[in-house]
């Protein structure tokens, strides 16, 4: 039996007690709670979520499931992405200035912002510069006092270049903070507008330190965001209530938000059609088409700003041989995968970045399907009869709606060239953690762009510094790395593009991954849900959303 992710609050414990006695919350998987439904009783919105979050401290994680459940309801960043776009706009910072040399950013903070009042924390002051300094010192300084009490890892901060890239974070006064960088970082504001850099309460952190409970920052969160966490039952549901002190309260139009964790995408689709859930994402194409035909559900669709791919761990056996990696790629019929897994709602990927991303190398072509050439390359490498552990995701994601089927098709194709694949999967959080540690031989993963910048793809996923984070192939090419690193230090977009195109050519030559598809992304909405926006950066946000 799995242990709960964290100690239940008093309210959560009471809720569970009621449920055990036949009252209170329903404990069936994904069911709406307390007799509420997606029809909006008590102004409640029920989101059929695809999985449990890794925790509620978004700085520690890299997956969208966790960001949806933690960052976007609970916290705010200094800057955030304007709804429906890849443009940044002010949030907890009202504005910012950049020095002529591009190395100093001065943020002017919003006044009157309050941290959430919860069962376990009651703030005595408003948000100020101390909170910003605490948040970023924790991310960049492993010797920071809080990190010694709770030795968490922050892979995104490392992948995005904050560790080693930020020289200092200085409080100028209560409402002004200055960041000094070691070198120019063109996408710096876009980077810190991402969920891993959302702001925590320094006052709450000090309270946890004094009580010797630093780890509770991941299980009992406090932020400035639109919703307050009230209870969590792993693999069942998460309950939030509207934050009465929210600084942008006019944009919060629901009183209660429930994540009904429902791993089966078909069940999620059925629940929206039955009025038991308000919103469902990451559904398979057939389920989306059935929902459209039902007439009871609204469907939003958009070209996906994403990629689904298979990373090959170059540190494992024969996968360190370029010929083997090329052969494994050539042996897979990607067109058949597009047809079966994406049901036509996807396009072949020529490389890592989607066509809509500026800086993409449009001269790249999708890899070929050539069984005989694959056999020849394997023979040249002395790897005709190798065995490979192929990991597949346990959840549906926009870039891969059916990872198990994809893995089975790759397994069958590899068998034709003498390669035996053993299929492996884990619970989503465990899958990501183990994958980042390099346990997999080959692993199905993917990416939805976070901030509209090429570095979010090329640097975050395949740079040397991202090994141990999102670089699942553990590929570190010095020439590639130099081009990508220099790209962040150039202000001119055309010159940055030159670097990135050269880097993409190196990646194509070295084949650290098999790039499969860019997919269409969809959301199913109950008819009474208004104002939901299908975000290009993959976020699921409920500010501005109402149930009528």
Protein backbone atom coordinates (compact mmCIF):
# COMPACT_ATOMS: atom_id res chain seq x y z
CA UNK A 1 0.00 0.00 0.00
CA UNK A 2 1.36 3.39 -1.00
CA UNK A 3 1.90 5.90 1.75
CA UNK A 4 0.19 9.30 1.38
CA UNK A 5 2.44 11.96 -0.07
CA UNK A 6 2.26 14.08 3.06
CA UNK A 7 0.69 14.37 6.46
CA UNK A 8 -2.92 15.35 6.18
CA UNK A 9 -4.05 18.65 7.58
CA UNK A 10 -6.71 18.60 10.24
CA UNK A 11 -9.34 19.43 7.63
CA UNK A 12 -8.15 16.63 5.34
CA UNK A 13 -8.12 14.12 8.19
CA UNK A 14 -11.68 15.05 9.12
CA UNK A 15 -12.73 14.71 5.48
CA UNK A 16 -11.27 11.22 5.28
CA UNK A 17 -12.95 10.21 8.53
CA UNK A 18 -16.31 11.29 7.17
CA UNK A 19 -15.70 9.38 3.96
CA UNK A 20 -14.84 6.22 5.90
CA UNK A 21 -18.17 6.48 7.70
CA UNK A 22 -20.11 6.76 4.47
CA UNK A 23 -20.35 10.55 4.39
CA UNK A 24 -18.18 13.40 3.19
CA UNK A 25 -16.05 12.84 0.12
CA UNK A 26 -16.60 10.04 -2.33
CA UNK A 27 -13.40 8.05 -2.66
CA UNK A 28 -14.05 6.43 -6.03
CA UNK A 29 -11.31 7.25 -8.51
CA UNK A 30 -11.89 10.60 -10.14
CA UNK A 31 -15.36 11.13 -8.71
CA UNK A 32 -16.54 14.61 -7.85
CA UNK A 33 -16.55 15.09 -4.11
CA UNK A 34 -19.13 15.91 -1.51
CA UNK A 35 -22.06 15.44 -3.90
CA UNK A 36 -20.78 18.25 -6.10
CA UNK A 37 -20.61 17.81 -9.85
CA UNK A 38 -19.24 19.63 -12.85
CA UNK A 39 -22.61 21.33 -13.22
CA UNK A 40 -21.29 23.94 -10.83
CA UNK A 41 -23.00 23.28 -7.51
CA UNK A 42 -21.43 25.62 -5.01
CA UNK A 43 -19.57 27.31 -7.89
CA UNK A 44 -17.21 24.34 -8.10
CA UNK A 45 -15.05 23.35 -11.04
CA UNK A 46 -13.91 19.72 -11.25
CA UNK A 47 -10.81 19.06 -13.33
CA UNK A 48 -10.26 15.44 -14.37
CA UNK A 49 -6.49 15.36 -13.86
CA UNK A 50 -4.37 12.60 -15.42
CA UNK A 51 -2.11 11.89 -12.46
CA UNK A 52 -0.86 12.77 -9.01
CA UNK A 53 1.67 15.57 -8.57
CA UNK A 54 5.18 14.82 -7.38
CA UNK A 55 4.61 17.39 -4.64
CA UNK A 56 3.59 21.01 -4.12
CA UNK A 57 6.99 22.71 -4.23
CA UNK A 58 7.22 23.31 -7.98
CA UNK A 59 10.94 24.20 -7.81
CA UNK A 60 11.75 20.53 -7.26
CA UNK A 61 9.99 19.19 -10.35
CA UNK A 62 9.95 19.42 -14.14
CA UNK A 63 6.66 17.79 -15.15
CA UNK A 64 3.45 19.47 -16.23
CA UNK A 65 1.27 17.32 -13.98
CA UNK A 66 3.02 18.74 -10.91
CA UNK A 67 3.06 22.30 -12.24
CA UNK A 68 -0.69 22.15 -12.94
CA UNK A 69 -1.42 21.01 -9.39
CA UNK A 70 1.11 23.16 -7.55
CA UNK A 71 2.48 26.21 -9.32
CA UNK A 72 -0.50 27.60 -11.16
CA UNK A 73 -3.17 27.33 -8.44
CA UNK A 74 -0.99 28.17 -5.43
CA UNK A 75 1.85 30.49 -6.43
CA UNK A 76 2.85 33.46 -8.58
CA UNK A 77 6.08 34.45 -10.29
CA UNK A 78 7.74 37.83 -10.61
CA UNK A 79 6.62 37.66 -14.22
CA UNK A 80 4.20 35.20 -15.81
CA UNK A 81 3.04 34.32 -19.30
CA UNK A 82 0.09 36.26 -20.64
CA UNK A 83 -2.85 33.91 -21.06
CA UNK A 84 -2.94 32.29 -24.47
CA UNK A 85 0.51 33.54 -25.52
CA UNK A 86 4.24 33.02 -25.03
CA UNK A 87 4.67 36.67 -23.97
CA UNK A 88 5.71 37.58 -20.42
CA UNK A 89 3.80 40.15 -18.40
CA UNK A 90 4.21 41.59 -14.88
CA UNK A 91 2.89 39.57 -11.93
CA UNK A 92 4.47 39.95 -8.48
CA UNK A 93 6.85 42.44 -10.10
CA UNK A 94 5.06 45.47 -11.55
CA UNK A 95 7.99 46.22 -13.87
CA UNK A 96 11.70 45.60 -14.36
CA UNK A 97 14.74 47.37 -15.75
CA UNK A 98 17.74 45.91 -17.56
CA UNK A 99 21.20 47.49 -17.41
CA UNK A 100 22.93 48.54 -20.68
CA UNK A 101 25.34 45.60 -20.45
CA UNK A 102 22.43 43.15 -20.05
CA UNK A 103 23.79 41.68 -16.82
CA UNK A 104 21.68 43.43 -14.16
CA UNK A 105 17.90 43.09 -13.81
CA UNK A 106 16.09 45.27 -11.28
CA UNK A 107 12.57 44.18 -10.35
CA UNK A 108 10.10 46.61 -8.77
CA UNK A 109 7.66 44.60 -6.66
CA UNK A 110 3.92 44.86 -6.33
CA UNK A 111 2.75 46.23 -2.97
CA UNK A 112 -0.12 44.93 -0.88
CA UNK A 113 0.23 41.28 -1.94
CA UNK A 114 -0.61 38.85 0.85
CA UNK A 115 0.50 35.28 1.39
CA UNK A 116 -2.20 32.69 1.95
CA UNK A 117 -3.56 32.00 5.41
CA UNK A 118 -3.81 28.26 6.06
CA UNK A 119 -4.34 25.84 8.92
CA UNK A 120 -0.56 25.68 9.38
CA UNK A 121 0.56 29.26 8.62
CA UNK A 122 -0.76 32.75 9.33
CA UNK A 123 1.38 35.49 7.75
CA UNK A 124 2.24 38.61 9.75
CA UNK A 125 3.43 40.71 6.80
CA UNK A 126 2.84 41.24 3.09
CA UNK A 127 5.00 39.86 0.27
CA UNK A 128 8.27 41.75 -0.10
CA UNK A 129 11.88 41.54 -1.31
CA UNK A 130 12.86 39.07 1.40
CA UNK A 131 10.63 36.45 -0.22
CA UNK A 132 12.24 36.92 -3.62
CA UNK A 133 15.75 36.69 -2.18
CA UNK A 134 14.83 33.55 -0.23
CA UNK A 135 13.25 31.87 -3.27
CA UNK A 136 16.23 32.40 -5.55
CA UNK A 137 18.98 31.86 -2.97
CA UNK A 138 17.43 28.48 -2.34
CA UNK A 139 17.59 27.68 -6.06
CA UNK A 140 21.17 28.76 -6.73
CA UNK A 141 23.10 28.21 -3.47
CA UNK A 142 23.44 24.64 -2.19
CA UNK A 143 24.95 26.01 1.05
CA UNK A 144 21.91 28.18 1.78
CA UNK A 145 20.66 27.50 5.31
CA UNK A 146 17.26 26.16 4.26
CA UNK A 147 18.90 23.75 1.81
CA UNK A 148 21.01 22.28 4.59
CA UNK A 149 17.85 21.56 6.56
CA UNK A 150 16.04 20.10 3.55
CA UNK A 151 18.36 18.88 0.82
CA UNK A 152 16.00 19.07 -2.15
CA UNK A 153 17.21 19.15 -5.75
CA UNK A 154 16.22 21.84 -8.26
CA UNK A 155 16.82 20.37 -11.72
CA UNK A 156 15.06 23.12 -13.64
CA UNK A 157 17.11 25.88 -12.03
CA UNK A 158 20.24 24.03 -13.13
CA UNK A 159 18.91 23.24 -16.60
CA UNK A 160 17.95 26.88 -17.20
CA UNK A 161 21.37 28.15 -16.19
CA UNK A 162 20.46 29.87 -12.93
CA UNK A 163 23.02 27.87 -10.99
CA UNK A 164 26.31 29.47 -11.93
CA UNK A 165 24.58 32.04 -14.10
CA UNK A 166 23.25 34.27 -11.31
CA UNK A 167 26.06 36.03 -9.46
CA UNK A 168 23.86 37.56 -6.76
CA UNK A 169 20.29 38.34 -5.72
CA UNK A 170 20.20 41.54 -3.69
CA UNK A 171 17.50 43.32 -1.72
CA UNK A 172 17.69 47.01 -2.60
CA UNK A 173 14.73 47.90 -0.40
CA UNK A 174 11.51 46.19 0.67
CA UNK A 175 10.05 46.42 -2.82
CA UNK A 176 13.11 46.33 -5.07
CA UNK A 177 15.32 43.35 -5.91
CA UNK A 178 18.42 43.31 -8.10
CA UNK A 179 19.72 40.25 -9.95
CA UNK A 180 23.32 40.39 -11.13
CA UNK A 181 24.26 37.81 -13.76
CA UNK A 182 27.71 36.43 -14.52
CA UNK A 183 27.03 36.78 -18.23
CA UNK A 184 24.29 38.01 -20.51
CA UNK A 185 21.28 35.67 -20.54
CA UNK A 186 18.86 36.79 -23.25
CA UNK A 187 15.87 34.69 -22.08
CA UNK A 188 16.36 35.47 -18.37
CA UNK A 189 12.91 37.00 -17.75
CA UNK A 190 11.21 34.25 -19.77
CA UNK A 191 13.10 31.67 -17.71
CA UNK A 192 12.09 33.02 -14.31
CA UNK A 193 8.48 33.37 -15.48
CA UNK A 194 8.37 29.57 -15.44
CA UNK A 195 6.80 27.67 -12.51
CA UNK A 196 10.08 26.48 -10.97
CA UNK A 197 10.86 30.11 -10.06
CA UNK A 198 7.51 31.02 -8.46
CA UNK A 199 7.82 32.85 -5.17
CA UNK A 200 7.73 31.25 -1.70
CA UNK A 201 7.25 32.87 1.69
CA UNK A 202 10.49 33.51 3.58
CA UNK A 203 8.50 33.99 6.77
CA UNK A 204 6.89 30.56 6.38
CA UNK A 205 10.28 28.99 5.58
CA UNK A 206 11.74 30.46 8.79
CA UNK A 207 8.81 29.03 10.74
CA UNK A 208 9.50 25.59 9.26
CA UNK A 209 13.20 25.85 10.05
CA UNK A 210 12.53 26.70 13.68
CA UNK A 211 10.12 23.78 13.99
CA UNK A 212 12.61 21.42 12.26
CA UNK A 213 10.01 20.77 9.55
CA UNK A 214 11.68 22.16 6.43
CA UNK A 215 10.44 19.25 4.28
CA UNK A 216 6.85 20.42 4.82
CA UNK A 217 7.45 23.12 2.21
CA UNK A 218 6.72 20.40 -0.36
CA UNK A 219 3.59 19.06 1.32
CA UNK A 220 1.99 22.05 3.01
CA UNK A 221 2.44 24.88 0.51
CA UNK A 222 1.97 28.62 1.03
CA UNK A 223 1.92 31.03 -1.89
CA UNK A 224 0.32 34.23 -3.12
CA UNK A 225 -1.77 32.49 -5.81
CA UNK A 226 -5.48 32.31 -6.59
CA UNK A 227 -6.25 29.08 -4.73
CA UNK A 228 -5.38 27.62 -1.31
CA UNK A 229 -4.71 23.89 -0.93
CA UNK A 230 -7.14 22.29 1.52
CA UNK A 231 -6.60 18.52 1.17
CA UNK A 232 -4.96 15.86 -0.96
CA UNK A 233 -5.60 12.13 -1.36
CA UNK A 234 -2.91 10.58 -3.53
CA UNK A 235 -4.28 9.14 -6.77
CA UNK A 236 -7.77 10.31 -5.83
CA UNK A 237 -8.28 14.05 -5.49
CA UNK A 238 -6.93 17.46 -4.57
CA UNK A 239 -9.17 20.18 -3.11
CA UNK A 240 -8.55 23.92 -3.31
CA UNK A 241 -10.61 26.91 -2.26
CA UNK A 242 -10.54 30.45 -3.58
CA UNK A 243 -7.91 32.62 -1.90
CA UNK A 244 -9.95 35.46 -0.30
CA UNK A 245 -6.84 37.66 -0.11
CA UNK A 246 -5.68 37.21 -3.69
CA UNK A 247 -4.18 40.39 -5.17
CA UNK A 248 -5.95 39.80 -8.51
CA UNK A 249 -9.20 38.49 -7.03
CA UNK A 250 -11.45 39.79 -9.84
CA UNK A 251 -9.88 37.18 -12.10
CA UNK A 252 -10.89 34.25 -9.85
CA UNK A 253 -14.46 33.27 -10.69
CA UNK A 254 -14.86 29.91 -8.91
CA UNK A 255 -15.02 29.23 -5.18
CA UNK A 256 -13.86 25.61 -5.21
CA UNK A 257 -11.43 23.78 -7.47
CA UNK A 258 -11.17 19.99 -7.38
CA UNK A 259 -8.61 17.87 -9.21
CA UNK A 260 -10.31 14.48 -9.63
CA UNK A 261 -7.29 12.28 -10.39
CA UNK A 262 -8.42 9.89 -13.11
CA UNK A 263 -5.58 8.07 -14.83
CA UNK A 264 -7.65 6.43 -17.56
CA UNK A 265 -8.21 8.93 -20.37
CA UNK A 266 -11.36 7.13 -21.54
CA UNK A 267 -12.88 7.47 -18.08
CA UNK A 268 -11.95 11.17 -18.04
CA UNK A 269 -13.76 11.73 -21.33
CA UNK A 270 -16.83 9.85 -20.10
CA UNK A 271 -16.93 11.88 -16.89
CA UNK A 272 -17.00 15.17 -18.80
CA UNK A 273 -19.81 13.91 -21.02
CA UNK A 274 -21.72 12.71 -17.93
CA UNK A 275 -21.33 16.05 -16.15
CA UNK A 276 -19.09 14.62 -13.42
CA UNK A 277 -16.04 16.64 -14.52
CA UNK A 278 -15.80 20.10 -16.01
CA UNK A 279 -12.50 19.80 -17.85
CA UNK A 280 -10.37 16.95 -19.22
CA UNK A 281 -7.05 17.09 -21.06
CA UNK A 282 -4.66 14.56 -22.65
CA UNK A 283 -7.40 12.47 -24.21
CA UNK A 284 -6.82 10.09 -27.10
CA UNK A 285 -7.97 11.14 -30.55
CA UNK A 286 -10.82 8.62 -30.66
CA UNK A 287 -12.10 9.91 -27.32
CA UNK A 288 -11.99 13.50 -28.56
CA UNK A 289 -13.92 12.56 -31.70
CA UNK A 290 -16.52 10.69 -29.64
CA UNK A 291 -16.90 13.71 -27.35
CA UNK A 292 -17.49 15.97 -30.36
CA UNK A 293 -20.20 13.65 -31.66
CA UNK A 294 -21.92 13.49 -28.26
CA UNK A 295 -23.01 17.11 -28.52
CA UNK A 296 -22.66 17.45 -24.75
CA UNK A 297 -19.06 18.65 -24.71
CA UNK A 298 -17.15 21.60 -26.15
CA UNK A 299 -13.74 20.80 -27.64
CA UNK A 300 -10.84 23.20 -28.10
CA UNK A 301 -7.92 22.15 -30.30
CA UNK A 302 -4.61 23.77 -31.22
CA UNK A 303 -1.35 22.89 -32.94
CA UNK A 304 0.87 21.50 -30.23
CA UNK A 305 3.98 23.41 -29.19
CA UNK A 306 5.56 20.10 -28.30
CA UNK A 307 7.57 17.05 -29.32
CA UNK A 308 7.40 13.36 -28.44
CA UNK A 309 10.70 11.51 -28.60
CA UNK A 310 12.76 8.59 -27.36
CA UNK A 311 16.03 9.43 -25.61
CA UNK A 312 18.86 6.89 -25.87
CA UNK A 313 21.22 6.75 -22.91
CA UNK A 314 24.69 6.98 -24.45
CA UNK A 315 26.26 5.81 -21.16
CA UNK A 316 24.64 2.37 -21.47
CA UNK A 317 26.50 -0.30 -23.42
CA UNK A 318 26.25 -0.22 -27.19
CA UNK A 319 24.07 2.92 -27.14
CA UNK A 320 27.29 4.90 -26.87
CA UNK A 321 28.00 3.87 -30.47
CA UNK A 322 26.59 6.32 -33.03
CA UNK A 323 25.95 3.53 -35.54
CA UNK A 324 23.75 1.71 -33.01
CA UNK A 325 21.71 4.84 -32.29
CA UNK A 326 21.29 5.52 -36.00
CA UNK A 327 20.24 1.90 -36.60
CA UNK A 328 17.64 1.96 -33.84
CA UNK A 329 16.17 5.13 -35.37
CA UNK A 330 16.15 3.74 -38.92
CA UNK A 331 14.47 0.52 -37.75
CA UNK A 332 11.30 2.28 -36.53
CA UNK A 333 8.39 3.08 -38.84
CA UNK A 334 7.46 6.52 -37.49
CA UNK A 335 4.70 7.02 -40.07
CA UNK A 336 2.94 3.94 -38.71
CA UNK A 337 3.27 5.35 -35.19
CA UNK A 338 1.73 8.66 -36.29
CA UNK A 339 -1.22 6.76 -37.75
CA UNK A 340 -1.77 4.38 -34.83
CA UNK A 341 -0.79 6.43 -31.77
CA UNK A 342 -1.75 9.94 -32.89
CA UNK A 343 -4.57 8.83 -35.21
CA UNK A 344 -3.39 11.39 -37.71
CA UNK A 345 -3.47 14.26 -35.17
CA UNK A 346 0.28 14.68 -35.31
CA UNK A 347 3.08 15.45 -37.73
CA UNK A 348 6.47 13.76 -38.14
CA UNK A 349 9.22 15.53 -36.21
CA UNK A 350 12.36 16.38 -38.14
CA UNK A 351 14.15 17.39 -34.97
CA UNK A 352 13.63 18.56 -31.43
CA UNK A 353 11.80 21.86 -31.93
CA UNK A 354 8.33 22.31 -33.46
CA UNK A 355 8.03 24.28 -36.74
CA UNK A 356 6.41 27.26 -34.97
CA UNK A 357 9.49 27.87 -32.78
CA UNK A 358 11.76 30.65 -33.99
CA UNK A 359 15.31 29.43 -34.51
CA UNK A 360 14.26 26.00 -35.84
CA UNK A 361 16.39 24.50 -38.61
CA UNK A 362 13.86 24.13 -41.42
CA UNK A 363 16.35 22.26 -43.61
CA UNK A 364 16.16 19.17 -41.39
CA UNK A 365 14.10 16.26 -42.69
CA UNK A 366 12.47 13.46 -40.66
CA UNK A 367 14.65 10.36 -40.35
CA UNK A 368 14.07 7.55 -42.84
CA UNK A 369 12.63 4.08 -42.27
CA UNK A 370 15.19 1.61 -43.63
CA UNK A 371 15.29 -1.87 -42.09
CA UNK A 372 18.14 -3.17 -44.25
CA UNK A 373 20.38 -0.21 -43.51
CA UNK A 374 19.58 -0.59 -39.80
CA UNK A 375 20.68 -4.24 -39.94
CA UNK A 376 23.89 -3.30 -41.72
CA UNK A 377 24.78 -0.62 -39.15
CA UNK A 378 24.13 -2.99 -36.26
CA UNK A 379 26.39 -5.59 -37.89
CA UNK A 380 29.16 -3.01 -38.37
CA UNK A 381 28.85 -2.11 -34.67
CA UNK A 382 28.82 -5.74 -33.55
CA UNK A 383 25.41 -5.22 -31.95
CA UNK A 384 23.12 -7.51 -33.92
CA UNK A 385 21.59 -9.32 -30.94
CA UNK A 386 21.46 -6.80 -28.14
CA UNK A 387 18.80 -6.34 -25.47
CA UNK A 388 17.45 -2.92 -24.50
CA UNK A 389 15.17 -1.78 -21.69
CA UNK A 390 12.61 0.52 -23.31
CA UNK A 391 10.69 2.66 -20.83
CA UNK A 392 7.23 4.01 -21.60
CA UNK A 393 5.25 6.65 -19.73
CA UNK A 394 2.33 5.59 -17.51
CA UNK A 395 0.33 8.74 -18.35
CA UNK A 396 -1.07 10.42 -21.43
CA UNK A 397 0.65 13.63 -22.43
CA UNK A 398 -0.11 15.96 -25.34
CA UNK A 399 3.10 14.89 -27.07
CA UNK A 400 2.36 11.17 -26.55
CA UNK A 401 -1.28 10.11 -26.14
CA UNK A 402 -0.49 6.38 -25.84
CA UNK A 403 3.08 5.64 -24.79
CA UNK A 404 2.44 1.94 -24.19
CA UNK A 405 1.22 1.40 -27.74
CA UNK A 406 4.16 3.38 -29.08
CA UNK A 407 6.58 1.24 -27.07
CA UNK A 408 4.95 -1.95 -28.34
CA UNK A 409 5.30 -0.77 -31.94
CA UNK A 410 8.97 0.15 -31.43
CA UNK A 411 9.51 -3.23 -29.77
CA UNK A 412 8.05 -5.02 -32.80
CA UNK A 413 10.11 -2.96 -35.26
CA UNK A 414 13.34 -3.55 -33.34
CA UNK A 415 12.66 -7.28 -33.27
CA UNK A 416 12.85 -7.24 -37.09
CA UNK A 417 16.51 -6.17 -36.85
CA UNK A 418 17.42 -8.54 -34.04
CA UNK A 419 17.07 -6.14 -31.10
CA UNK A 420 15.07 -7.39 -28.13
CA UNK A 421 13.29 -4.69 -26.16
CA UNK A 422 12.01 -5.24 -22.62
CA UNK A 423 9.19 -2.81 -21.84
CA UNK A 424 9.36 -1.04 -18.46
CA UNK A 425 7.24 1.59 -16.73
CA UNK A 426 6.80 3.14 -13.26
CA UNK A 427 4.45 5.53 -11.51
CA UNK A 428 4.89 8.94 -13.18
CA UNK A 429 6.92 10.67 -10.50
CA UNK A 430 9.15 7.63 -10.04
CA UNK A 431 9.50 7.30 -13.82
CA UNK A 432 10.84 10.83 -14.14
CA UNK A 433 13.13 10.56 -11.13
CA UNK A 434 14.65 7.27 -12.22
CA UNK A 435 14.95 8.46 -15.80
CA UNK A 436 16.82 11.60 -14.75
CA UNK A 437 19.25 9.42 -12.80
CA UNK A 438 20.03 7.56 -16.01
CA UNK A 439 18.52 4.16 -15.15
CA UNK A 440 16.82 3.64 -18.54
CA UNK A 441 18.49 2.41 -21.72
CA UNK A 442 15.91 4.06 -23.94
CA UNK A 443 13.05 6.14 -22.58
CA UNK A 444 9.94 7.65 -24.13
CA UNK A 445 9.59 11.25 -23.01
CA UNK A 446 8.56 14.54 -24.56
CA UNK A 447 8.36 18.24 -24.07
CA UNK A 448 5.94 21.12 -24.31
CA UNK A 449 7.77 24.43 -24.61
CA UNK A 450 7.83 26.47 -21.42
CA UNK A 451 8.77 29.98 -22.45
CA UNK A 452 8.89 30.51 -26.21
CA UNK A 453 12.70 30.53 -26.41
CA UNK A 454 14.89 27.99 -28.31
CA UNK A 455 17.13 27.57 -25.27
CA UNK A 456 14.17 26.02 -23.45
CA UNK A 457 14.49 23.14 -25.90
CA UNK A 458 18.13 22.97 -26.91
CA UNK A 459 19.65 23.92 -23.56
CA UNK A 460 17.12 22.45 -21.17
CA UNK A 461 16.94 19.05 -22.84
CA UNK A 462 20.36 18.32 -24.34
CA UNK A 463 23.02 20.59 -22.82
CA UNK A 464 25.82 19.23 -20.67
CA UNK A 465 24.47 21.01 -17.60
CA UNK A 466 21.09 19.30 -18.02
CA UNK A 467 22.58 15.80 -17.61
CA UNK A 468 20.95 14.53 -14.42
CA UNK A 469 17.94 16.72 -15.17
CA UNK A 470 15.94 16.71 -18.39
CA UNK A 471 18.81 15.37 -20.51
CA UNK A 472 17.65 11.74 -20.41
CA UNK A 473 20.14 10.68 -23.11
CA UNK A 474 23.01 12.00 -20.94
CA UNK A 475 24.58 13.28 -24.16
CA UNK A 476 27.19 16.00 -23.68
CA UNK A 477 28.76 17.34 -26.88
CA UNK A 478 31.17 20.22 -26.28
CA UNK A 479 30.70 21.81 -29.72
CA UNK A 480 26.92 21.69 -29.39
CA UNK A 481 27.11 22.99 -25.83
CA UNK A 482 29.30 25.93 -26.81
CA UNK A 483 26.87 27.03 -29.53
CA UNK A 484 23.82 26.75 -27.25
CA UNK A 485 25.50 28.51 -24.34
CA UNK A 486 26.73 31.35 -26.56
CA UNK A 487 23.22 31.60 -28.00
CA UNK A 488 21.85 32.75 -24.65
CA UNK A 489 24.52 35.46 -24.44
CA UNK A 490 23.61 37.14 -27.74
CA UNK A 491 20.93 39.82 -27.82
CA UNK A 492 20.31 39.80 -31.59
CA UNK A 493 17.73 37.14 -32.51
CA UNK A 494 19.11 36.56 -36.03
CA UNK A 495 22.59 35.88 -34.65
CA UNK A 496 21.15 33.62 -31.97
CA UNK A 497 19.36 31.69 -34.71
CA UNK A 498 22.66 31.09 -36.53
CA UNK A 499 24.05 29.43 -33.41
CA UNK A 500 20.95 27.33 -32.87
CA UNK A 501 20.83 26.05 -36.46
CA UNK A 502 24.46 24.91 -36.20
CA UNK A 503 23.64 23.19 -32.91
CA UNK A 504 20.66 21.38 -34.41
CA UNK A 505 22.83 20.02 -37.22
CA UNK A 506 25.25 18.57 -34.68
CA UNK A 507 22.36 16.93 -32.83
CA UNK A 508 21.02 15.46 -36.07
CA UNK A 509 24.46 14.01 -36.85
CA UNK A 510 24.94 12.52 -33.37
CA UNK A 511 21.42 11.08 -32.89
CA UNK A 512 21.09 11.16 -29.09
CA UNK A 513 17.34 10.71 -29.50
CA UNK A 514 14.71 9.49 -31.94
CA UNK A 515 12.34 12.37 -32.66
CA UNK A 516 8.85 11.12 -33.45
CA UNK A 517 6.05 13.67 -33.55
CA UNK A 518 4.58 17.08 -32.85
CA UNK A 519 0.94 16.60 -31.87
CA UNK A 520 -2.31 18.49 -31.87
CA UNK A 521 -3.49 19.20 -28.32
CA UNK A 522 -7.12 19.21 -27.17
CA UNK A 523 -9.25 19.94 -24.14
CA UNK A 524 -12.76 18.68 -23.39
CA UNK A 525 -15.02 21.20 -21.64
CA UNK A 526 -18.44 20.86 -20.10
CA UNK A 527 -20.90 23.22 -21.79
CA UNK A 528 -21.15 25.42 -18.70
CA UNK A 529 -17.40 26.12 -18.54
CA UNK A 530 -16.52 29.58 -19.83
CA UNK A 531 -13.21 31.37 -20.22
CA UNK A 532 -10.89 28.36 -20.38
CA UNK A 533 -7.83 28.98 -22.57
CA UNK A 534 -5.78 26.19 -24.14
CA UNK A 535 -2.33 27.52 -23.36
CA UNK A 536 0.42 27.18 -26.01
CA UNK A 537 2.98 26.46 -23.28
CA UNK A 538 1.01 23.48 -22.01
CA UNK A 539 -0.14 24.95 -18.71
CA UNK A 540 -3.57 24.23 -17.24
CA UNK A 541 -4.80 27.40 -15.55
CA UNK A 542 -8.10 28.27 -13.92
CA UNK A 543 -7.85 32.01 -13.41
CA UNK A 544 -10.56 33.69 -15.47
CA UNK A 545 -12.51 30.42 -15.78
CA UNK A 546 -16.11 30.21 -14.60
CA UNK A 547 -18.92 27.63 -14.38
CA UNK A 548 -22.37 28.90 -15.23
